[in-house]
Amino acid sequence: MSNKSEFGMLEFTIGQIVYLKTDYEQLARIVTGIYIRENSVSYIVSYLTEEYTHYGFEMTSGRDIVKATSG
């Protein structure tokens, strides 16, 4: 699910729940910030008390149930 904004290049919005494509536990994270650079966009995502920076291609808005249950 991609959200278009006035910037025309944002895939996710602040407050949106996202999952990392490579996370086998498929833990829910929340987008808490967005870095907009000249040639790229990255997202600050929070899980519990930690914040991490990821690119949009690393994240998805849908949980991968197969990955989460097949450990």
C-alpha atoms as a PDB file:
ATOM      1  CA  MET A   1       0.000   0.000   0.000  1.00  0.00           C
ATOM      2  CA  SER A   2       1.633   3.233  -1.076  1.00  0.00           C
ATOM      3  CA  ASN A   3       0.533   6.668   0.020  1.00  0.00           C
ATOM      4  CA  LYS A   4       1.273   9.546  -2.311  1.00  0.00           C
ATOM      5  CA  SER A   5       1.929  12.889  -0.695  1.00  0.00           C
ATOM      6  CA  GLU A   6       2.639  16.401  -1.848  1.00  0.00           C
ATOM      7  CA  PHE A   7       6.265  15.266  -2.224  1.00  0.00           C
ATOM      8  CA  GLY A   8       5.112  12.554  -4.619  1.00  0.00           C
ATOM      9  CA  MET A   9       7.644  10.045  -3.309  1.00  0.00           C
ATOM     10  CA  LEU A  10       6.565   8.989   0.181  1.00  0.00           C
ATOM     11  CA  GLU A  11       5.533   5.372   0.514  1.00  0.00           C
ATOM     12  CA  PHE A  12       4.634   5.568   4.212  1.00  0.00           C
ATOM     13  CA  THR A  13       3.274   8.242   6.537  1.00  0.00           C
ATOM     14  CA  ILE A  14       4.019   9.222  10.116  1.00  0.00           C
ATOM     15  CA  GLY A  15       1.911   7.114  12.464  1.00  0.00           C
ATOM     16  CA  GLN A  16       1.590   4.209  10.031  1.00  0.00           C
ATOM     17  CA  ILE A  17       2.264   0.671  11.284  1.00  0.00           C
ATOM     18  CA  VAL A  18       4.910  -1.112   9.199  1.00  0.00           C
ATOM     19  CA  TYR A  19       6.814  -4.389   9.180  1.00  0.00           C
ATOM     20  CA  LEU A  20      10.361  -5.090   8.032  1.00  0.00           C
ATOM     21  CA  LYS A  21      10.456  -7.521   5.115  1.00  0.00           C
ATOM     22  CA  THR A  22      13.471  -9.350   6.591  1.00  0.00           C
ATOM     23  CA  ASP A  23      12.106  -9.655  10.157  1.00  0.00           C
ATOM     24  CA  TYR A  24      11.106 -13.262  10.804  1.00  0.00           C
ATOM     25  CA  GLU A  25       9.131 -12.270  13.904  1.00  0.00           C
ATOM     26  CA  GLN A  26       7.215  -9.631  11.891  1.00  0.00           C
ATOM     27  CA  LEU A  27       7.093  -7.217  14.821  1.00  0.00           C
ATOM     28  CA  ALA A  28       4.914  -4.164  14.291  1.00  0.00           C
ATOM     29  CA  ARG A  29       6.779  -0.867  14.141  1.00  0.00           C
ATOM     30  CA  ILE A  30       5.448   2.664  13.831  1.00  0.00           C
ATOM     31  CA  VAL A  31       6.765   5.333  11.483  1.00  0.00           C
ATOM     32  CA  THR A  32       7.768   8.253  13.737  1.00  0.00           C
ATOM     33  CA  GLY A  33       9.765  10.372  11.314  1.00  0.00           C
ATOM     34  CA  ILE A  34      10.834  10.854   7.712  1.00  0.00           C
ATOM     35  CA  TYR A  35      14.180  12.027   6.348  1.00  0.00           C
ATOM     36  CA  ILE A  36      13.874  13.654   2.945  1.00  0.00           C
ATOM     37  CA  ARG A  37      17.147  14.038   1.072  1.00  0.00           C
ATOM     38  CA  GLU A  38      17.897  15.275  -2.418  1.00  0.00           C
ATOM     39  CA  ASN A  39      17.992  11.736  -3.864  1.00  0.00           C
ATOM     40  CA  SER A  40      16.366   9.531  -1.240  1.00  0.00           C
ATOM     41  CA  VAL A  41      13.794   9.170   1.492  1.00  0.00           C
ATOM     42  CA  SER A  42      14.312   7.147   4.663  1.00  0.00           C
ATOM     43  CA  TYR A  43      11.977   6.490   7.540  1.00  0.00           C
ATOM     44  CA  ILE A  44      12.489   6.506  11.281  1.00  0.00           C
ATOM     45  CA  VAL A  45      10.592   3.560  12.734  1.00  0.00           C
ATOM     46  CA  SER A  46      10.090   2.832  16.421  1.00  0.00           C
ATOM     47  CA  TYR A  47       9.752  -0.455  18.245  1.00  0.00           C
ATOM     48  CA  LEU A  48       9.322  -0.272  22.030  1.00  0.00           C
ATOM     49  CA  THR A  49      11.895   2.341  23.137  1.00  0.00           C
ATOM     50  CA  GLU A  50      14.257   2.047  20.159  1.00  0.00           C
ATOM     51  CA  GLU A  51      14.303   3.986  16.881  1.00  0.00           C
ATOM     52  CA  TYR A  52      15.783   2.723  13.627  1.00  0.00           C
ATOM     53  CA  THR A  53      16.200   4.194  10.148  1.00  0.00           C
ATOM     54  CA  HIS A  54      15.074   2.203   7.101  1.00  0.00           C
ATOM     55  CA  TYR A  55      14.421   2.789   3.423  1.00  0.00           C
ATOM     56  CA  GLY A  56      10.952   2.210   2.018  1.00  0.00           C
ATOM     57  CA  PHE A  57      12.021  -0.883   0.081  1.00  0.00           C
ATOM     58  CA  GLU A  58      12.868  -2.595   3.389  1.00  0.00           C
ATOM     59  CA  MET A  59       9.356  -2.167   4.773  1.00  0.00           C
ATOM     60  CA  THR A  60       5.805  -3.227   4.049  1.00  0.00           C
ATOM     61  CA  SER A  61       2.434  -2.218   5.461  1.00  0.00           C
ATOM     62  CA  GLY A  62       1.250  -5.838   5.619  1.00  0.00           C
ATOM     63  CA  ARG A  63       2.444  -8.515   8.010  1.00  0.00           C
ATOM     64  CA  ASP A  64       3.947 -11.631   6.398  1.00  0.00           C
ATOM     65  CA  ILE A  65       2.049 -14.339   8.299  1.00  0.00           C
ATOM     66  CA  VAL A  66       4.011 -17.196   6.704  1.00  0.00           C
ATOM     67  CA  LYS A  67       7.330 -15.686   7.782  1.00  0.00           C
ATOM     68  CA  ALA A  68       5.995 -14.902  11.282  1.00  0.00           C
ATOM     69  CA  THR A  69       4.731 -18.429  11.928  1.00  0.00           C
ATOM     70  CA  SER A  70       7.471 -20.511  10.284  1.00  0.00           C
ATOM     71  CA  GLY A  71      10.525 -19.346  12.317  1.00  0.00           C
END
